[in-house]
Amino acid sequence: MAVRRVRRVIRKIDPWTVLKVSLVLNAIGALVFVLGVWVTWSLAVQRGIPDKFADIVANFSLVFTPNGELYFRAVVFFSIVFFVTLTGLLTLGAVMYNLISDVVGGVELIVLEETYLVPATRAAPLRPAVHGQTNGGNGGSGGNGDTKTEPVAVVTDDD
């Protein structure tokens, strides 16, 4: 397997594509975050951790009420805000990259490309055809002008 180095330059990033991809990935991330907090809170409530924490905080004359519905609403609100903000920032970043790459020239990457094709070998190198007189003339322009073209080498590809 042959490997060759290839130089690639990233000059443009489509903002519409960035918007669509970031919408999907950020929505999945927000959903995973909300579900993770919900599962963690339900496990903590089953173990009685919020009530024990409220008793500890009450010893310091502070007020803490373990209201799961209020916390869940706050988590959903902040995940939606984070989702919209991050999607907008990523799209704005793609637009800014396009503007900056017009001035700078983009990002250059050097990639190793694997090729499975073996280059074809030639039987003989190509040489130009030979032109000669066909009627055995004196080599000047006094002959009939007929010339014969003969190949010097034959190239075969064994595929």
C-alpha atoms as a PDB file:
ATOM      1  CA  MET A   1       0.000   0.000   0.000  1.00  0.00           C
ATOM      2  CA  ALA A   2       1.511   3.277  -1.109  1.00  0.00           C
ATOM      3  CA  VAL A   3       1.221   6.449   0.966  1.00  0.00           C
ATOM      4  CA  ARG A   4       1.630   9.943  -0.386  1.00  0.00           C
ATOM      5  CA  ARG A   5       1.525  13.357   1.262  1.00  0.00           C
ATOM      6  CA  VAL A   6      -1.221  15.624  -0.019  1.00  0.00           C
ATOM      7  CA  ARG A   7      -1.573  19.328   0.788  1.00  0.00           C
ATOM      8  CA  ARG A   8      -5.141  20.536   1.327  1.00  0.00           C
ATOM      9  CA  VAL A   9      -6.288  24.101   2.021  1.00  0.00           C
ATOM     10  CA  ILE A  10      -9.620  24.819   3.718  1.00  0.00           C
ATOM     11  CA  ARG A  11     -10.737  28.171   2.321  1.00  0.00           C
ATOM     12  CA  LYS A  12     -14.504  28.223   2.896  1.00  0.00           C
ATOM     13  CA  ILE A  13     -16.942  26.745   5.387  1.00  0.00           C
ATOM     14  CA  ASP A  14     -20.602  26.890   4.435  1.00  0.00           C
ATOM     15  CA  PRO A  15     -22.474  28.731   7.231  1.00  0.00           C
ATOM     16  CA  TRP A  16     -25.784  27.042   6.335  1.00  0.00           C
ATOM     17  CA  THR A  17     -24.190  23.617   6.811  1.00  0.00           C
ATOM     18  CA  VAL A  18     -22.634  24.715  10.103  1.00  0.00           C
ATOM     19  CA  LEU A  19     -26.054  25.939  11.254  1.00  0.00           C
ATOM     20  CA  LYS A  20     -27.775  22.646  10.390  1.00  0.00           C
ATOM     21  CA  VAL A  21     -25.087  20.440  11.930  1.00  0.00           C
ATOM     22  CA  SER A  22     -24.777  22.557  15.066  1.00  0.00           C
ATOM     23  CA  LEU A  23     -28.576  22.593  15.507  1.00  0.00           C
ATOM     24  CA  VAL A  24     -28.667  18.802  15.479  1.00  0.00           C
ATOM     25  CA  LEU A  25     -25.605  18.258  17.673  1.00  0.00           C
ATOM     26  CA  ASN A  26     -26.539  20.972  20.185  1.00  0.00           C
ATOM     27  CA  ALA A  27     -30.115  19.658  20.414  1.00  0.00           C
ATOM     28  CA  ILE A  28     -28.781  16.181  21.152  1.00  0.00           C
ATOM     29  CA  GLY A  29     -26.365  17.633  23.720  1.00  0.00           C
ATOM     30  CA  ALA A  30     -29.098  19.643  25.439  1.00  0.00           C
ATOM     31  CA  LEU A  31     -31.401  16.616  25.539  1.00  0.00           C
ATOM     32  CA  VAL A  32     -28.660  14.418  26.996  1.00  0.00           C
ATOM     33  CA  PHE A  33     -27.869  17.075  29.612  1.00  0.00           C
ATOM     34  CA  VAL A  34     -31.512  17.468  30.670  1.00  0.00           C
ATOM     35  CA  LEU A  35     -32.071  13.700  30.847  1.00  0.00           C
ATOM     36  CA  GLY A  36     -28.830  13.242  32.778  1.00  0.00           C
ATOM     37  CA  VAL A  37     -29.823  15.861  35.344  1.00  0.00           C
ATOM     38  CA  TRP A  38     -33.296  14.318  35.639  1.00  0.00           C
ATOM     39  CA  VAL A  39     -31.904  10.807  36.230  1.00  0.00           C
ATOM     40  CA  THR A  40     -29.331  12.107  38.704  1.00  0.00           C
ATOM     41  CA  TRP A  41     -31.961  14.111  40.615  1.00  0.00           C
ATOM     42  CA  SER A  42     -34.355  11.167  40.777  1.00  0.00           C
ATOM     43  CA  LEU A  43     -31.594   8.920  42.124  1.00  0.00           C
ATOM     44  CA  ALA A  44     -30.631  11.573  44.685  1.00  0.00           C
ATOM     45  CA  VAL A  45     -34.264  11.909  45.825  1.00  0.00           C
ATOM     46  CA  GLN A  46     -34.575   8.124  46.210  1.00  0.00           C
ATOM     47  CA  ARG A  47     -31.503   8.141  48.458  1.00  0.00           C
ATOM     48  CA  GLY A  48     -32.813  11.110  50.473  1.00  0.00           C
ATOM     49  CA  ILE A  49     -29.791  13.289  49.682  1.00  0.00           C
ATOM     50  CA  PRO A  50     -31.667  16.597  49.093  1.00  0.00           C
ATOM     51  CA  ASP A  51     -33.457  16.324  52.466  1.00  0.00           C
ATOM     52  CA  LYS A  52     -30.209  15.542  54.296  1.00  0.00           C
ATOM     53  CA  PHE A  53     -28.555  18.478  52.543  1.00  0.00           C
ATOM     54  CA  ALA A  54     -31.448  20.748  53.593  1.00  0.00           C
ATOM     55  CA  ASP A  55     -30.973  19.633  57.227  1.00  0.00           C
ATOM     56  CA  ILE A  56     -27.231  20.430  57.044  1.00  0.00           C
ATOM     57  CA  VAL A  57     -27.903  23.861  55.524  1.00  0.00           C
ATOM     58  CA  ALA A  58     -30.557  24.571  58.194  1.00  0.00           C
ATOM     59  CA  ASN A  59     -27.845  24.172  60.849  1.00  0.00           C
ATOM     60  CA  PHE A  60     -26.113  27.252  59.362  1.00  0.00           C
ATOM     61  CA  SER A  61     -29.343  29.305  59.456  1.00  0.00           C
ATOM     62  CA  LEU A  62     -29.735  29.163  55.662  1.00  0.00           C
ATOM     63  CA  VAL A  63     -32.891  28.276  53.790  1.00  0.00           C
ATOM     64  CA  PHE A  64     -32.814  25.473  51.226  1.00  0.00           C
ATOM     65  CA  THR A  65     -35.913  23.743  49.936  1.00  0.00           C
ATOM     66  CA  PRO A  66     -35.400  20.711  47.716  1.00  0.00           C
ATOM     67  CA  ASN A  67     -37.957  21.594  45.045  1.00  0.00           C
ATOM     68  CA  GLY A  68     -37.253  19.260  42.129  1.00  0.00           C
ATOM     69  CA  GLU A  69     -39.808  20.793  39.758  1.00  0.00           C
ATOM     70  CA  LEU A  70     -38.273  24.261  40.124  1.00  0.00           C
ATOM     71  CA  TYR A  71     -34.758  22.903  39.537  1.00  0.00           C
ATOM     72  CA  PHE A  72     -35.877  20.916  36.515  1.00  0.00           C
ATOM     73  CA  ARG A  73     -37.486  24.014  34.963  1.00  0.00           C
ATOM     74  CA  ALA A  74     -34.267  25.960  35.525  1.00  0.00           C
ATOM     75  CA  VAL A  75     -32.191  23.197  33.917  1.00  0.00           C
ATOM     76  CA  VAL A  76     -34.473  23.069  30.867  1.00  0.00           C
ATOM     77  CA  PHE A  77     -34.406  26.875  30.544  1.00  0.00           C
ATOM     78  CA  PHE A  78     -30.617  27.095  30.746  1.00  0.00           C
ATOM     79  CA  SER A  79     -30.128  24.199  28.334  1.00  0.00           C
ATOM     80  CA  ILE A  80     -32.389  25.935  25.773  1.00  0.00           C
ATOM     81  CA  VAL A  81     -30.491  29.209  26.219  1.00  0.00           C
ATOM     82  CA  PHE A  82     -27.165  27.380  25.887  1.00  0.00           C
ATOM     83  CA  PHE A  83     -28.457  25.505  22.797  1.00  0.00           C
ATOM     84  CA  VAL A  84     -29.522  28.674  20.969  1.00  0.00           C
ATOM     85  CA  THR A  85     -26.444  30.670  21.999  1.00  0.00           C
ATOM     86  CA  LEU A  86     -23.950  27.977  21.004  1.00  0.00           C
ATOM     87  CA  THR A  87     -25.668  27.394  17.656  1.00  0.00           C
ATOM     88  CA  GLY A  88     -25.545  31.125  16.890  1.00  0.00           C
ATOM     89  CA  LEU A  89     -21.906  31.415  17.947  1.00  0.00           C
ATOM     90  CA  LEU A  90     -20.841  28.458  15.804  1.00  0.00           C
ATOM     91  CA  THR A  91     -22.609  29.891  12.756  1.00  0.00           C
ATOM     92  CA  LEU A  92     -21.083  33.306  13.397  1.00  0.00           C
ATOM     93  CA  GLY A  93     -17.698  31.618  13.737  1.00  0.00           C
ATOM     94  CA  ALA A  94     -18.111  30.046  10.280  1.00  0.00           C
ATOM     95  CA  VAL A  95     -18.931  33.453   8.766  1.00  0.00           C
ATOM     96  CA  MET A  96     -15.946  35.026  10.526  1.00  0.00           C
ATOM     97  CA  TYR A  97     -13.670  32.212   9.317  1.00  0.00           C
ATOM     98  CA  ASN A  98     -14.794  32.835   5.722  1.00  0.00           C
ATOM     99  CA  LEU A  99     -14.046  36.549   6.048  1.00  0.00           C
ATOM    100  CA  ILE A 100     -10.636  35.959   7.602  1.00  0.00           C
ATOM    101  CA  SER A 101      -9.670  33.197   5.157  1.00  0.00           C
ATOM    102  CA  ASP A 102     -10.267  35.595   2.263  1.00  0.00           C
ATOM    103  CA  VAL A 103      -7.454  37.733   3.671  1.00  0.00           C
ATOM    104  CA  VAL A 104      -5.132  35.046   5.064  1.00  0.00           C
ATOM    105  CA  GLY A 105      -5.724  32.240   2.580  1.00  0.00           C
ATOM    106  CA  GLY A 106      -7.274  29.524   4.728  1.00  0.00           C
ATOM    107  CA  VAL A 107      -5.882  26.702   6.823  1.00  0.00           C
ATOM    108  CA  GLU A 108      -3.368  24.378   5.210  1.00  0.00           C
ATOM    109  CA  LEU A 109      -3.475  20.700   6.139  1.00  0.00           C
ATOM    110  CA  ILE A 110      -1.038  18.011   5.102  1.00  0.00           C
ATOM    111  CA  VAL A 111      -2.789  14.667   4.816  1.00  0.00           C
ATOM    112  CA  LEU A 112      -1.341  11.219   4.273  1.00  0.00           C
ATOM    113  CA  GLU A 113      -3.368   9.563   1.537  1.00  0.00           C
ATOM    114  CA  GLU A 114      -3.296   5.796   1.153  1.00  0.00           C
ATOM    115  CA  THR A 115      -3.559   4.397  -2.362  1.00  0.00           C
ATOM    116  CA  TYR A 116      -4.158   0.760  -3.180  1.00  0.00           C
ATOM    117  CA  LEU A 117      -3.467   1.144  -6.884  1.00  0.00           C
ATOM    118  CA  VAL A 118       0.016   0.227  -8.079  1.00  0.00           C
ATOM    119  CA  PRO A 119       1.264   2.527 -10.849  1.00  0.00           C
ATOM    120  CA  ALA A 120       1.432   0.811 -14.238  1.00  0.00           C
ATOM    121  CA  THR A 121       4.939   0.132 -15.522  1.00  0.00           C
ATOM    122  CA  ARG A 122       5.804   0.904 -19.111  1.00  0.00           C
ATOM    123  CA  ALA A 123       7.696  -1.524 -21.358  1.00  0.00           C
ATOM    124  CA  ALA A 124       9.902   1.239 -22.777  1.00  0.00           C
ATOM    125  CA  PRO A 125      10.011   4.997 -22.485  1.00  0.00           C
ATOM    126  CA  LEU A 126       8.106   6.946 -25.089  1.00  0.00           C
ATOM    127  CA  ARG A 127      10.228   8.537 -27.806  1.00  0.00           C
ATOM    128  CA  PRO A 128       9.148  10.659 -30.744  1.00  0.00           C
ATOM    129  CA  ALA A 129       8.350   8.965 -34.030  1.00  0.00           C
ATOM    130  CA  VAL A 130      11.036   8.774 -36.756  1.00  0.00           C
ATOM    131  CA  HIS A 131      10.293  10.346 -40.122  1.00  0.00           C
ATOM    132  CA  GLY A 132      12.214   9.103 -43.146  1.00  0.00           C
ATOM    133  CA  GLN A 133      12.045   8.995 -46.939  1.00  0.00           C
ATOM    134  CA  THR A 134      10.048   6.117 -48.434  1.00  0.00           C
ATOM    135  CA  ASN A 135      11.308   6.208 -52.038  1.00  0.00           C
ATOM    136  CA  GLY A 136      15.044   6.252 -51.310  1.00  0.00           C
ATOM    137  CA  GLY A 137      15.502   9.815 -52.537  1.00  0.00           C
ATOM    138  CA  ASN A 138      18.552  11.966 -52.026  1.00  0.00           C
ATOM    139  CA  GLY A 139      17.214  13.457 -48.801  1.00  0.00           C
ATOM    140  CA  GLY A 140      16.558  16.855 -50.345  1.00  0.00           C
ATOM    141  CA  SER A 141      13.293  18.427 -51.275  1.00  0.00           C
ATOM    142  CA  GLY A 142      13.450  17.061 -54.819  1.00  0.00           C
ATOM    143  CA  GLY A 143      11.583  13.821 -53.982  1.00  0.00           C
ATOM    144  CA  ASN A 144       7.840  13.228 -54.121  1.00  0.00           C
ATOM    145  CA  GLY A 145       7.462  14.331 -50.451  1.00  0.00           C
ATOM    146  CA  ASP A 146       6.034  11.054 -49.118  1.00  0.00           C
ATOM    147  CA  THR A 147       7.226  10.286 -45.601  1.00  0.00           C
ATOM    148  CA  LYS A 148       6.696   7.197 -43.529  1.00  0.00           C
ATOM    149  CA  THR A 149       6.046   7.294 -39.761  1.00  0.00           C
ATOM    150  CA  GLU A 150       7.268   4.321 -37.771  1.00  0.00           C
ATOM    151  CA  PRO A 151       6.835   3.838 -34.038  1.00  0.00           C
ATOM    152  CA  VAL A 152      10.069   3.504 -32.121  1.00  0.00           C
ATOM    153  CA  ALA A 153       8.644   1.673 -29.108  1.00  0.00           C
ATOM    154  CA  VAL A 154       5.396  -0.076 -28.358  1.00  0.00           C
ATOM    155  CA  VAL A 155       3.794   0.599 -24.971  1.00  0.00           C
ATOM    156  CA  THR A 156       1.714  -2.180 -23.458  1.00  0.00           C
ATOM    157  CA  ASP A 157      -0.356  -2.044 -20.304  1.00  0.00           C
ATOM    158  CA  ASP A 158      -0.874  -5.415 -18.642  1.00  0.00           C
ATOM    159  CA  ASP A 159      -4.136  -4.777 -16.749  1.00  0.00           C
END
